[in-house]
N, C-alpha and C. Protein backbone atom coordinates (compact mmCIF):
# COMPACT_ATOMS: atom_id res chain seq x y z
N MET A 1 93.05 17.68 36.83
CA MET A 1 91.95 18.53 36.37
C MET A 1 90.85 17.68 35.76
N LYS A 2 89.63 18.02 36.09
CA LYS A 2 88.47 17.26 35.63
C LYS A 2 88.30 17.36 34.11
N HIS A 3 88.08 16.24 33.48
CA HIS A 3 87.88 16.20 32.03
C HIS A 3 86.42 16.50 31.72
N GLU A 4 86.17 17.65 31.08
CA GLU A 4 84.81 18.06 30.73
C GLU A 4 84.68 17.98 29.20
N TRP A 5 83.84 17.09 28.73
CA TRP A 5 83.74 16.88 27.27
C TRP A 5 83.27 18.15 26.54
N ARG A 6 82.46 18.95 27.19
CA ARG A 6 81.98 20.19 26.54
C ARG A 6 83.14 21.12 26.20
N LYS A 7 84.20 21.07 27.01
CA LYS A 7 85.35 21.94 26.77
C LYS A 7 86.47 21.22 26.00
N LYS A 8 86.78 19.99 26.40
CA LYS A 8 87.89 19.27 25.82
C LYS A 8 87.58 18.64 24.47
N GLU A 9 86.30 18.33 24.24
CA GLU A 9 85.92 17.63 22.99
C GLU A 9 84.77 18.35 22.30
N LYS A 10 84.83 19.65 22.34
CA LYS A 10 83.76 20.49 21.81
C LYS A 10 83.51 20.24 20.32
N GLU A 11 84.56 20.14 19.55
CA GLU A 11 84.40 19.97 18.09
C GLU A 11 83.75 18.63 17.75
N LEU A 12 83.98 17.62 18.58
CA LEU A 12 83.42 16.30 18.34
C LEU A 12 81.93 16.25 18.69
N TYR A 13 81.55 16.93 19.77
CA TYR A 13 80.20 16.76 20.27
C TYR A 13 79.25 17.90 19.95
N ILE A 14 79.74 19.12 19.95
CA ILE A 14 78.85 20.25 19.76
C ILE A 14 78.96 20.74 18.32
N GLY A 15 77.96 20.36 17.54
CA GLY A 15 77.95 20.73 16.12
C GLY A 15 77.84 22.23 15.90
N LYS A 16 78.14 22.67 14.70
CA LYS A 16 77.98 24.06 14.33
C LYS A 16 76.58 24.23 13.72
N LEU A 17 76.19 25.48 13.49
CA LEU A 17 74.87 25.76 12.94
C LEU A 17 74.82 25.49 11.45
N VAL A 18 75.99 25.20 10.86
CA VAL A 18 76.07 24.77 9.46
C VAL A 18 76.74 23.40 9.42
N PRO A 19 76.45 22.62 8.40
CA PRO A 19 77.04 21.26 8.34
C PRO A 19 78.56 21.27 8.26
N ALA A 20 79.18 20.27 8.87
CA ALA A 20 80.63 20.13 8.83
C ALA A 20 80.98 18.66 8.95
N VAL A 21 82.11 18.29 8.34
CA VAL A 21 82.59 16.92 8.40
C VAL A 21 83.41 16.72 9.69
N VAL A 22 83.19 15.61 10.37
CA VAL A 22 83.92 15.32 11.59
C VAL A 22 84.43 13.88 11.56
N THR A 23 85.64 13.68 12.04
CA THR A 23 86.20 12.32 12.18
C THR A 23 85.96 11.86 13.61
N ILE A 24 85.33 10.70 13.74
CA ILE A 24 84.98 10.16 15.06
C ILE A 24 85.94 9.00 15.36
N PRO A 25 86.74 9.14 16.41
CA PRO A 25 87.68 8.07 16.75
C PRO A 25 86.97 6.83 17.28
N SER A 26 87.72 5.76 17.40
CA SER A 26 87.19 4.55 18.05
C SER A 26 86.83 4.90 19.48
N LEU A 27 85.60 4.57 19.90
CA LEU A 27 85.10 4.97 21.21
C LEU A 27 84.43 3.79 21.92
N LYS A 28 84.34 3.89 23.25
CA LYS A 28 83.67 2.86 24.05
C LYS A 28 82.32 3.38 24.55
N TYR A 29 81.34 2.47 24.51
CA TYR A 29 79.99 2.84 24.93
C TYR A 29 79.34 1.76 25.76
N VAL A 30 78.36 2.17 26.58
CA VAL A 30 77.36 1.24 27.08
C VAL A 30 76.10 1.57 26.26
N GLN A 31 75.39 0.56 25.79
CA GLN A 31 74.28 0.81 24.91
C GLN A 31 73.17 -0.21 25.09
N VAL A 32 71.97 0.17 24.61
CA VAL A 32 70.81 -0.72 24.66
C VAL A 32 69.93 -0.41 23.45
N SER A 33 69.34 -1.42 22.89
CA SER A 33 68.50 -1.27 21.68
C SER A 33 67.03 -1.58 22.00
N GLY A 34 66.15 -0.99 21.18
CA GLY A 34 64.72 -1.24 21.37
C GLY A 34 63.92 -0.77 20.19
N VAL A 35 62.62 -0.95 20.31
CA VAL A 35 61.67 -0.52 19.28
C VAL A 35 60.52 0.21 19.98
N GLY A 36 60.11 1.36 19.42
CA GLY A 36 58.95 2.01 19.97
C GLY A 36 59.12 3.52 20.17
N ASN A 37 58.08 4.09 20.73
CA ASN A 37 57.99 5.55 20.91
C ASN A 37 58.97 6.04 21.98
N PRO A 38 59.75 7.08 21.69
CA PRO A 38 60.68 7.62 22.66
C PRO A 38 60.00 8.25 23.87
N ASN A 39 58.67 8.43 23.79
CA ASN A 39 57.93 8.96 24.91
C ASN A 39 57.39 7.86 25.82
N SER A 40 57.67 6.60 25.48
CA SER A 40 57.15 5.47 26.23
C SER A 40 57.91 5.23 27.54
N ALA A 41 57.28 4.49 28.44
CA ALA A 41 57.92 4.12 29.72
C ALA A 41 59.13 3.22 29.48
N ALA A 42 59.02 2.33 28.48
CA ALA A 42 60.11 1.41 28.19
C ALA A 42 61.38 2.17 27.77
N PHE A 43 61.20 3.21 26.96
CA PHE A 43 62.35 3.99 26.51
C PHE A 43 62.99 4.72 27.69
N LYS A 44 62.17 5.27 28.56
CA LYS A 44 62.69 5.96 29.74
C LYS A 44 63.46 5.00 30.64
N GLU A 45 62.98 3.76 30.74
CA GLU A 45 63.69 2.74 31.53
C GLU A 45 65.06 2.42 30.91
N HIS A 46 65.12 2.39 29.60
CA HIS A 46 66.40 2.16 28.95
C HIS A 46 67.39 3.27 29.25
N ILE A 47 66.91 4.50 29.23
CA ILE A 47 67.77 5.62 29.59
C ILE A 47 68.30 5.49 31.02
N GLN A 48 67.38 5.13 31.93
CA GLN A 48 67.75 4.96 33.33
C GLN A 48 68.84 3.90 33.49
N MET A 49 68.75 2.82 32.73
CA MET A 49 69.77 1.77 32.79
C MET A 49 71.15 2.32 32.41
N LEU A 50 71.20 3.07 31.32
CA LEU A 50 72.47 3.61 30.84
C LEU A 50 73.10 4.58 31.85
N TYR A 51 72.28 5.46 32.40
CA TYR A 51 72.81 6.41 33.38
C TYR A 51 73.21 5.73 34.68
N SER A 52 72.46 4.71 35.08
CA SER A 52 72.80 3.99 36.30
C SER A 52 74.20 3.36 36.21
N ILE A 53 74.49 2.74 35.07
CA ILE A 53 75.78 2.14 34.88
C ILE A 53 76.89 3.20 34.69
N SER A 54 76.58 4.24 33.91
CA SER A 54 77.58 5.28 33.65
C SER A 54 77.99 6.02 34.93
N TYR A 55 76.99 6.39 35.75
CA TYR A 55 77.32 7.07 37.00
C TYR A 55 77.93 6.10 38.01
N GLY A 56 77.58 4.83 37.89
CA GLY A 56 78.22 3.81 38.75
C GLY A 56 79.71 3.75 38.51
N ILE A 57 80.10 3.83 37.24
CA ILE A 57 81.53 3.84 36.89
C ILE A 57 82.17 5.14 37.37
N ARG A 58 81.51 6.25 37.10
CA ARG A 58 82.03 7.57 37.48
C ARG A 58 82.30 7.65 39.00
N MET A 59 81.44 7.02 39.79
CA MET A 59 81.53 7.14 41.25
C MET A 59 82.28 6.02 41.92
N MET A 60 82.90 5.12 41.17
CA MET A 60 83.59 3.97 41.76
C MET A 60 84.62 4.36 42.85
N PRO A 61 85.44 5.40 42.65
CA PRO A 61 86.40 5.75 43.73
C PRO A 61 85.74 6.05 45.05
N LYS A 62 84.55 6.66 45.03
CA LYS A 62 83.85 6.95 46.28
C LYS A 62 83.34 5.69 46.96
N GLY A 63 83.26 4.61 46.18
CA GLY A 63 82.85 3.34 46.75
C GLY A 63 84.02 2.49 47.20
N GLY A 64 85.23 3.05 47.08
CA GLY A 64 86.41 2.35 47.58
C GLY A 64 87.23 1.63 46.52
N PHE A 65 86.84 1.78 45.23
CA PHE A 65 87.62 1.14 44.17
C PHE A 65 87.95 2.14 43.08
N THR A 66 89.23 2.27 42.76
CA THR A 66 89.65 3.20 41.71
C THR A 66 90.25 2.38 40.56
N PRO A 67 89.57 2.37 39.39
CA PRO A 67 90.10 1.61 38.24
C PRO A 67 91.44 2.13 37.77
N ASP A 68 92.25 1.27 37.19
CA ASP A 68 93.53 1.68 36.62
C ASP A 68 93.28 2.75 35.55
N GLY A 69 94.04 3.83 35.61
CA GLY A 69 93.89 4.88 34.61
C GLY A 69 92.73 5.84 34.87
N TYR A 70 92.05 5.69 35.99
CA TYR A 70 90.88 6.55 36.27
C TYR A 70 91.28 8.02 36.38
N PHE A 71 90.36 8.89 35.93
CA PHE A 71 90.51 10.33 36.07
C PHE A 71 89.15 10.94 36.28
N GLU A 72 89.11 12.10 36.89
CA GLU A 72 87.85 12.82 37.12
C GLU A 72 87.29 13.25 35.77
N TYR A 73 85.98 13.09 35.59
CA TYR A 73 85.38 13.47 34.31
C TYR A 73 83.88 13.72 34.46
N THR A 74 83.35 14.41 33.49
CA THR A 74 81.90 14.62 33.40
C THR A 74 81.30 13.48 32.56
N VAL A 75 80.24 12.87 33.04
CA VAL A 75 79.59 11.80 32.29
C VAL A 75 79.18 12.34 30.91
N TYR A 76 79.42 11.54 29.90
CA TYR A 76 79.14 11.97 28.51
C TYR A 76 77.64 12.02 28.25
N PRO A 77 77.24 12.73 27.17
CA PRO A 77 75.83 12.90 26.90
C PRO A 77 75.17 11.64 26.31
N LEU A 78 73.88 11.55 26.46
CA LEU A 78 73.10 10.48 25.83
C LEU A 78 73.14 10.67 24.31
N GLU A 79 73.30 9.53 23.59
CA GLU A 79 73.29 9.55 22.14
C GLU A 79 72.29 8.49 21.64
N GLY A 80 71.89 8.59 20.40
CA GLY A 80 70.98 7.59 19.85
C GLY A 80 71.09 7.44 18.36
N ASP A 81 71.10 6.18 17.90
CA ASP A 81 70.98 5.86 16.48
C ASP A 81 69.51 5.51 16.21
N TRP A 82 68.90 6.20 15.26
CA TRP A 82 67.48 6.05 15.02
C TRP A 82 67.17 5.58 13.59
N SER A 83 66.19 4.73 13.49
CA SER A 83 65.70 4.27 12.17
C SER A 83 64.21 4.00 12.34
N SER A 84 63.59 3.35 11.32
CA SER A 84 62.17 3.04 11.41
C SER A 84 61.84 1.82 10.54
N THR A 85 60.83 1.08 10.97
CA THR A 85 60.36 -0.06 10.17
C THR A 85 59.35 0.41 9.14
N GLN A 86 59.03 1.70 9.18
CA GLN A 86 58.08 2.30 8.24
C GLN A 86 58.74 2.56 6.90
N MET A 87 58.03 2.30 5.81
CA MET A 87 58.56 2.58 4.48
C MET A 87 58.52 4.10 4.23
N PRO A 88 59.49 4.64 3.48
CA PRO A 88 59.53 6.08 3.21
C PRO A 88 58.24 6.62 2.61
N ASP A 89 57.63 5.89 1.70
CA ASP A 89 56.38 6.34 1.08
C ASP A 89 55.26 6.47 2.12
N ASP A 90 55.24 5.54 3.07
CA ASP A 90 54.22 5.56 4.11
C ASP A 90 54.43 6.77 5.02
N ILE A 91 55.69 7.07 5.31
CA ILE A 91 55.99 8.26 6.13
C ILE A 91 55.55 9.52 5.40
N SER A 92 55.82 9.59 4.11
CA SER A 92 55.46 10.76 3.32
C SER A 92 53.94 11.00 3.29
N GLN A 93 53.21 9.87 3.20
CA GLN A 93 51.73 9.97 3.07
C GLN A 93 51.04 10.16 4.41
N HIS A 94 51.52 9.45 5.43
CA HIS A 94 50.78 9.44 6.70
C HIS A 94 51.56 10.02 7.88
N GLY A 95 52.80 10.43 7.65
CA GLY A 95 53.60 10.96 8.74
C GLY A 95 54.34 9.86 9.49
N LEU A 96 55.26 10.25 10.31
CA LEU A 96 56.09 9.29 11.04
C LEU A 96 55.29 8.65 12.19
N ASP A 97 55.29 7.33 12.21
CA ASP A 97 54.68 6.57 13.30
C ASP A 97 55.77 6.28 14.32
N LYS A 98 55.76 7.00 15.42
CA LYS A 98 56.83 6.87 16.42
C LYS A 98 56.86 5.51 17.07
N ASP A 99 55.74 4.81 17.05
CA ASP A 99 55.70 3.45 17.62
C ASP A 99 56.52 2.47 16.80
N ARG A 100 56.85 2.85 15.58
CA ARG A 100 57.61 1.95 14.69
C ARG A 100 59.08 2.35 14.58
N LEU A 101 59.50 3.25 15.43
CA LEU A 101 60.91 3.66 15.45
C LEU A 101 61.76 2.55 16.05
N THR A 102 62.95 2.41 15.55
CA THR A 102 63.94 1.48 16.16
C THR A 102 65.14 2.31 16.60
N TYR A 103 65.73 1.90 17.69
CA TYR A 103 66.81 2.74 18.22
C TYR A 103 67.87 1.91 18.96
N THR A 104 69.07 2.49 19.00
CA THR A 104 70.11 2.07 19.91
C THR A 104 70.59 3.33 20.59
N ILE A 105 70.35 3.41 21.90
CA ILE A 105 70.82 4.58 22.64
C ILE A 105 72.05 4.20 23.44
N MET A 106 72.88 5.17 23.71
CA MET A 106 74.20 4.86 24.28
C MET A 106 74.77 6.04 25.05
N ILE A 107 75.74 5.75 25.91
CA ILE A 107 76.52 6.77 26.59
C ILE A 107 77.98 6.37 26.49
N ARG A 108 78.79 7.27 25.98
CA ARG A 108 80.22 6.97 25.86
C ARG A 108 80.87 6.81 27.21
N GLN A 109 81.92 5.97 27.26
CA GLN A 109 82.69 5.73 28.46
C GLN A 109 84.15 6.14 28.24
N PRO A 110 84.84 6.57 29.28
CA PRO A 110 86.27 6.92 29.15
C PRO A 110 87.10 5.72 28.73
N ASP A 111 88.29 6.01 28.25
CA ASP A 111 89.15 4.93 27.73
C ASP A 111 89.56 3.92 28.78
N PHE A 112 89.58 4.30 30.07
CA PHE A 112 90.01 3.36 31.09
C PHE A 112 88.96 2.24 31.37
N VAL A 113 87.76 2.42 30.87
CA VAL A 113 86.70 1.44 31.12
C VAL A 113 86.94 0.18 30.29
N THR A 114 86.87 -0.95 30.96
CA THR A 114 87.06 -2.26 30.33
C THR A 114 85.79 -3.08 30.54
N GLU A 115 85.75 -4.27 29.95
CA GLU A 115 84.61 -5.16 30.15
C GLU A 115 84.43 -5.50 31.63
N SER A 116 85.52 -5.71 32.34
CA SER A 116 85.43 -6.04 33.76
C SER A 116 84.89 -4.88 34.57
N ILE A 117 85.29 -3.65 34.24
CA ILE A 117 84.79 -2.47 34.92
C ILE A 117 83.27 -2.35 34.64
N PHE A 118 82.89 -2.57 33.40
CA PHE A 118 81.47 -2.55 33.05
C PHE A 118 80.68 -3.57 33.87
N GLN A 119 81.22 -4.78 34.01
CA GLN A 119 80.53 -5.82 34.74
C GLN A 119 80.39 -5.45 36.22
N MET A 120 81.38 -4.78 36.77
CA MET A 120 81.27 -4.32 38.17
C MET A 120 80.12 -3.30 38.32
N ALA A 121 80.04 -2.38 37.38
CA ALA A 121 78.97 -1.38 37.42
C ALA A 121 77.61 -2.04 37.18
N PHE A 122 77.59 -3.03 36.31
CA PHE A 122 76.37 -3.78 36.00
C PHE A 122 75.86 -4.46 37.28
N THR A 123 76.78 -5.10 38.00
CA THR A 123 76.39 -5.81 39.21
C THR A 123 75.78 -4.86 40.24
N LYS A 124 76.40 -3.69 40.39
CA LYS A 124 75.88 -2.72 41.35
C LYS A 124 74.53 -2.18 40.89
N ALA A 125 74.37 -1.88 39.61
CA ALA A 125 73.10 -1.37 39.09
C ALA A 125 71.98 -2.38 39.23
N SER A 126 72.33 -3.65 39.16
CA SER A 126 71.31 -4.72 39.22
C SER A 126 70.66 -4.84 40.60
N LYS A 127 71.23 -4.12 41.61
CA LYS A 127 70.60 -4.09 42.94
C LYS A 127 69.40 -3.18 42.96
N LYS A 128 69.33 -2.26 41.98
CA LYS A 128 68.22 -1.32 41.90
C LYS A 128 67.32 -1.57 40.68
N ILE A 129 67.89 -2.20 39.66
CA ILE A 129 67.16 -2.47 38.43
C ILE A 129 67.12 -3.96 38.19
N ASN A 130 65.98 -4.45 37.73
CA ASN A 130 65.82 -5.90 37.47
C ASN A 130 66.95 -6.40 36.59
N PRO A 131 67.74 -7.38 37.10
CA PRO A 131 68.89 -7.88 36.34
C PRO A 131 68.52 -8.43 34.96
N GLU A 132 67.34 -9.02 34.86
CA GLU A 132 66.90 -9.56 33.56
C GLU A 132 66.69 -8.44 32.55
N ASP A 133 66.16 -7.32 33.01
CA ASP A 133 66.00 -6.16 32.12
C ASP A 133 67.36 -5.54 31.78
N LEU A 134 68.24 -5.51 32.78
CA LEU A 134 69.55 -4.88 32.61
C LEU A 134 70.44 -5.64 31.63
N LYS A 135 70.14 -6.91 31.41
CA LYS A 135 70.93 -7.73 30.50
C LYS A 135 70.91 -7.17 29.06
N ALA A 136 69.94 -6.31 28.79
CA ALA A 136 69.84 -5.71 27.45
C ALA A 136 70.96 -4.72 27.20
N VAL A 137 71.60 -4.25 28.26
CA VAL A 137 72.70 -3.27 28.13
C VAL A 137 74.00 -4.00 27.83
N THR A 138 74.73 -3.51 26.83
CA THR A 138 76.01 -4.12 26.45
C THR A 138 77.12 -3.08 26.43
N PHE A 139 78.35 -3.57 26.49
CA PHE A 139 79.52 -2.70 26.41
C PHE A 139 80.22 -2.96 25.08
N VAL A 140 80.41 -1.90 24.29
CA VAL A 140 80.96 -2.06 22.94
C VAL A 140 82.06 -1.04 22.69
N THR A 141 82.90 -1.36 21.71
CA THR A 141 83.90 -0.45 21.19
C THR A 141 83.62 -0.25 19.71
N THR A 142 83.44 0.97 19.28
CA THR A 142 83.10 1.27 17.90
C THR A 142 84.36 1.64 17.11
N PRO A 143 84.38 1.35 15.81
CA PRO A 143 85.54 1.71 14.99
C PRO A 143 85.55 3.18 14.62
N GLU A 144 86.67 3.68 14.17
CA GLU A 144 86.74 5.07 13.68
C GLU A 144 85.81 5.24 12.50
N SER A 145 85.20 6.42 12.41
CA SER A 145 84.28 6.68 11.28
C SER A 145 84.27 8.18 10.98
N LYS A 146 83.56 8.52 9.92
CA LYS A 146 83.39 9.93 9.55
C LYS A 146 81.90 10.22 9.44
N ALA A 147 81.56 11.50 9.70
CA ALA A 147 80.17 11.89 9.64
C ALA A 147 80.07 13.36 9.26
N VAL A 148 78.87 13.73 8.82
CA VAL A 148 78.54 15.14 8.62
C VAL A 148 77.57 15.48 9.73
N GLN A 149 77.84 16.56 10.46
CA GLN A 149 76.98 16.88 11.60
C GLN A 149 76.58 18.36 11.59
N ILE A 150 75.51 18.63 12.35
CA ILE A 150 75.01 19.99 12.49
C ILE A 150 74.33 20.12 13.83
N LEU A 151 74.34 21.32 14.40
CA LEU A 151 73.66 21.57 15.65
C LEU A 151 72.20 21.97 15.36
N HIS A 152 71.27 21.21 15.91
CA HIS A 152 69.85 21.52 15.79
C HIS A 152 69.37 22.15 17.08
N GLN A 153 68.79 23.32 16.97
CA GLN A 153 68.24 24.01 18.14
C GLN A 153 66.73 24.06 18.02
N GLY A 154 66.05 23.45 19.01
CA GLY A 154 64.60 23.45 18.97
C GLY A 154 64.01 22.07 19.12
N SER A 155 62.71 21.96 18.84
CA SER A 155 61.96 20.73 19.01
C SER A 155 62.49 19.60 18.14
N TYR A 156 62.38 18.37 18.64
CA TYR A 156 62.77 17.20 17.86
C TYR A 156 61.89 17.09 16.62
N ASP A 157 60.65 17.55 16.70
CA ASP A 157 59.75 17.46 15.56
C ASP A 157 60.20 18.33 14.39
N ASP A 158 61.08 19.29 14.67
CA ASP A 158 61.58 20.20 13.60
C ASP A 158 62.92 19.72 13.02
N GLU A 159 63.40 18.57 13.45
CA GLU A 159 64.68 18.09 12.97
C GLU A 159 64.78 17.89 11.46
N PRO A 160 63.68 17.53 10.76
CA PRO A 160 63.80 17.36 9.32
C PRO A 160 64.43 18.54 8.59
N GLU A 161 64.23 19.76 9.10
CA GLU A 161 64.82 20.95 8.47
C GLU A 161 66.36 20.87 8.55
N SER A 162 66.88 20.45 9.68
CA SER A 162 68.34 20.34 9.83
C SER A 162 68.88 19.17 9.04
N PHE A 163 68.13 18.06 9.02
CA PHE A 163 68.59 16.92 8.22
C PHE A 163 68.61 17.25 6.74
N ALA A 164 67.71 18.12 6.29
CA ALA A 164 67.71 18.54 4.90
C ALA A 164 69.00 19.31 4.57
N LYS A 165 69.48 20.08 5.53
CA LYS A 165 70.73 20.79 5.32
C LYS A 165 71.90 19.84 5.21
N LEU A 166 71.88 18.76 6.03
CA LEU A 166 72.93 17.76 5.94
C LEU A 166 72.89 17.07 4.57
N SER A 167 71.70 16.74 4.11
CA SER A 167 71.56 16.06 2.82
C SER A 167 72.07 16.92 1.68
N THR A 168 71.74 18.22 1.74
CA THR A 168 72.21 19.15 0.70
C THR A 168 73.74 19.25 0.72
N PHE A 169 74.32 19.31 1.91
CA PHE A 169 75.78 19.41 2.06
C PHE A 169 76.43 18.15 1.46
N ILE A 170 75.88 16.99 1.78
CA ILE A 170 76.43 15.72 1.28
C ILE A 170 76.39 15.69 -0.26
N PHE A 171 75.28 16.14 -0.82
CA PHE A 171 75.13 16.16 -2.27
C PHE A 171 76.09 17.15 -2.91
N ASP A 172 76.17 18.36 -2.36
CA ASP A 172 77.00 19.42 -2.95
C ASP A 172 78.50 19.08 -2.87
N HIS A 173 78.90 18.26 -1.92
CA HIS A 173 80.32 17.94 -1.73
C HIS A 173 80.65 16.53 -2.22
N ASN A 174 79.73 15.94 -2.99
CA ASN A 174 79.94 14.60 -3.57
C ASN A 174 80.32 13.54 -2.55
N LEU A 175 79.68 13.62 -1.39
CA LEU A 175 79.89 12.64 -0.34
C LEU A 175 78.84 11.55 -0.45
N VAL A 176 79.10 10.43 0.22
CA VAL A 176 78.15 9.29 0.20
C VAL A 176 77.89 8.84 1.62
N ARG A 177 76.61 8.70 1.97
CA ARG A 177 76.26 8.19 3.28
C ARG A 177 76.65 6.72 3.35
N SER A 178 77.25 6.31 4.46
CA SER A 178 77.69 4.91 4.61
C SER A 178 76.52 4.00 4.99
N ASN A 179 75.46 4.58 5.57
CA ASN A 179 74.30 3.80 5.93
C ASN A 179 73.09 4.73 5.95
N GLU A 180 72.22 4.60 4.99
CA GLU A 180 71.07 5.50 4.90
C GLU A 180 69.92 5.04 5.79
N ALA A 181 70.08 3.94 6.49
CA ALA A 181 68.99 3.39 7.29
C ALA A 181 68.83 4.11 8.64
N PHE A 182 69.89 4.78 9.09
CA PHE A 182 69.78 5.42 10.41
C PHE A 182 70.53 6.75 10.46
N HIS A 183 70.27 7.50 11.52
CA HIS A 183 71.00 8.73 11.80
C HIS A 183 71.35 8.75 13.28
N ARG A 184 72.29 9.60 13.66
CA ARG A 184 72.70 9.74 15.05
C ARG A 184 72.23 11.07 15.63
N GLU A 185 71.80 11.03 16.87
CA GLU A 185 71.44 12.22 17.62
C GLU A 185 72.23 12.25 18.91
N ILE A 186 72.78 13.39 19.26
CA ILE A 186 73.51 13.57 20.53
C ILE A 186 72.77 14.66 21.32
N TYR A 187 72.28 14.33 22.49
CA TYR A 187 71.39 15.22 23.24
C TYR A 187 72.21 16.10 24.19
N LEU A 188 72.50 17.30 23.74
CA LEU A 188 73.31 18.25 24.51
C LEU A 188 72.48 18.95 25.57
N ARG A 189 71.24 19.21 25.25
CA ARG A 189 70.30 19.82 26.19
C ARG A 189 68.91 19.31 25.89
N MET A 190 68.25 18.79 26.94
CA MET A 190 66.89 18.30 26.80
C MET A 190 65.99 19.07 27.77
N ASP A 191 65.11 19.89 27.24
CA ASP A 191 64.23 20.73 28.06
C ASP A 191 62.78 20.27 27.86
N VAL A 192 62.27 19.54 28.84
CA VAL A 192 60.92 18.99 28.74
C VAL A 192 59.88 20.10 28.73
N ASP A 193 60.11 21.18 29.50
CA ASP A 193 59.14 22.25 29.62
C ASP A 193 59.12 23.16 28.40
N ASN A 194 60.27 23.32 27.78
CA ASN A 194 60.36 24.21 26.60
C ASN A 194 61.22 23.56 25.52
N PRO A 195 60.61 22.74 24.65
CA PRO A 195 61.36 22.01 23.62
C PRO A 195 62.19 22.91 22.69
N GLN A 196 61.78 24.19 22.60
CA GLN A 196 62.53 25.10 21.72
C GLN A 196 63.94 25.38 22.23
N LYS A 197 64.19 25.02 23.50
CA LYS A 197 65.52 25.19 24.08
C LYS A 197 66.40 23.94 23.91
N ASN A 198 65.82 22.90 23.32
CA ASN A 198 66.60 21.68 23.10
C ASN A 198 67.81 21.99 22.20
N GLN A 199 68.91 21.30 22.48
CA GLN A 199 70.09 21.38 21.62
C GLN A 199 70.53 19.95 21.31
N THR A 200 70.57 19.63 20.03
CA THR A 200 70.87 18.27 19.60
C THR A 200 71.85 18.28 18.42
N THR A 201 72.95 17.58 18.54
CA THR A 201 73.83 17.42 17.41
C THR A 201 73.33 16.25 16.56
N LEU A 202 73.11 16.51 15.27
CA LEU A 202 72.59 15.49 14.35
C LEU A 202 73.70 15.05 13.40
N ARG A 203 73.76 13.74 13.11
CA ARG A 203 74.81 13.22 12.24
C ARG A 203 74.27 12.24 11.21
N TYR A 204 74.87 12.30 10.03
CA TYR A 204 74.80 11.23 9.03
C TYR A 204 76.21 10.69 8.86
N THR A 205 76.40 9.41 8.99
CA THR A 205 77.73 8.84 8.75
C THR A 205 78.00 8.83 7.25
N ILE A 206 79.26 9.01 6.87
CA ILE A 206 79.62 9.03 5.44
C ILE A 206 80.79 8.09 5.22
N GLU A 207 80.96 7.73 3.98
CA GLU A 207 82.08 6.85 3.61
C GLU A 207 83.38 7.63 3.69
N SER A 208 84.44 6.99 4.14
CA SER A 208 85.74 7.66 4.30
C SER A 208 86.37 7.91 2.92
């Protein structure tokens, strides 16, 4: 049976409309980091790199190679850790400068994926994408962690309202953010034509 993260891992990925604590297990990702506006061509190229490798792994059996432990699955959603080189006071006075955003975007990989499997997908993707650019993509395993998350429905520009709810929840429950420099976004639905239909799980990591 095909593994569909929306059904099998709903509690981990699809936040509720109110804040909740979630334990995130050790996971494998392909990821790439950068600086700048998420509307830029460079950012879109980074997304393309991640999907090229992720779908390359997903489709390996159709190319004649089946990795050990392989199973049918739906490719996981795009995620991103976001921060800024802008000082908080500057943001308060002049608004967020998207050109000064820093990010690491990523796509989770199934447990059967290894460094060698990643390298195979990398080699295939490099036939369509400049290998020098593709070198920015890495394969990592993250440690177990805890976070407070919420489902944000609507435009990315309205996310501060949802983040405020997370902050209030953290304060009311005597929790402590483990890193106040960044937050995580998981893109469940991205609607370019109607941003109000966007669905994004937002997270603040907290100390265990």
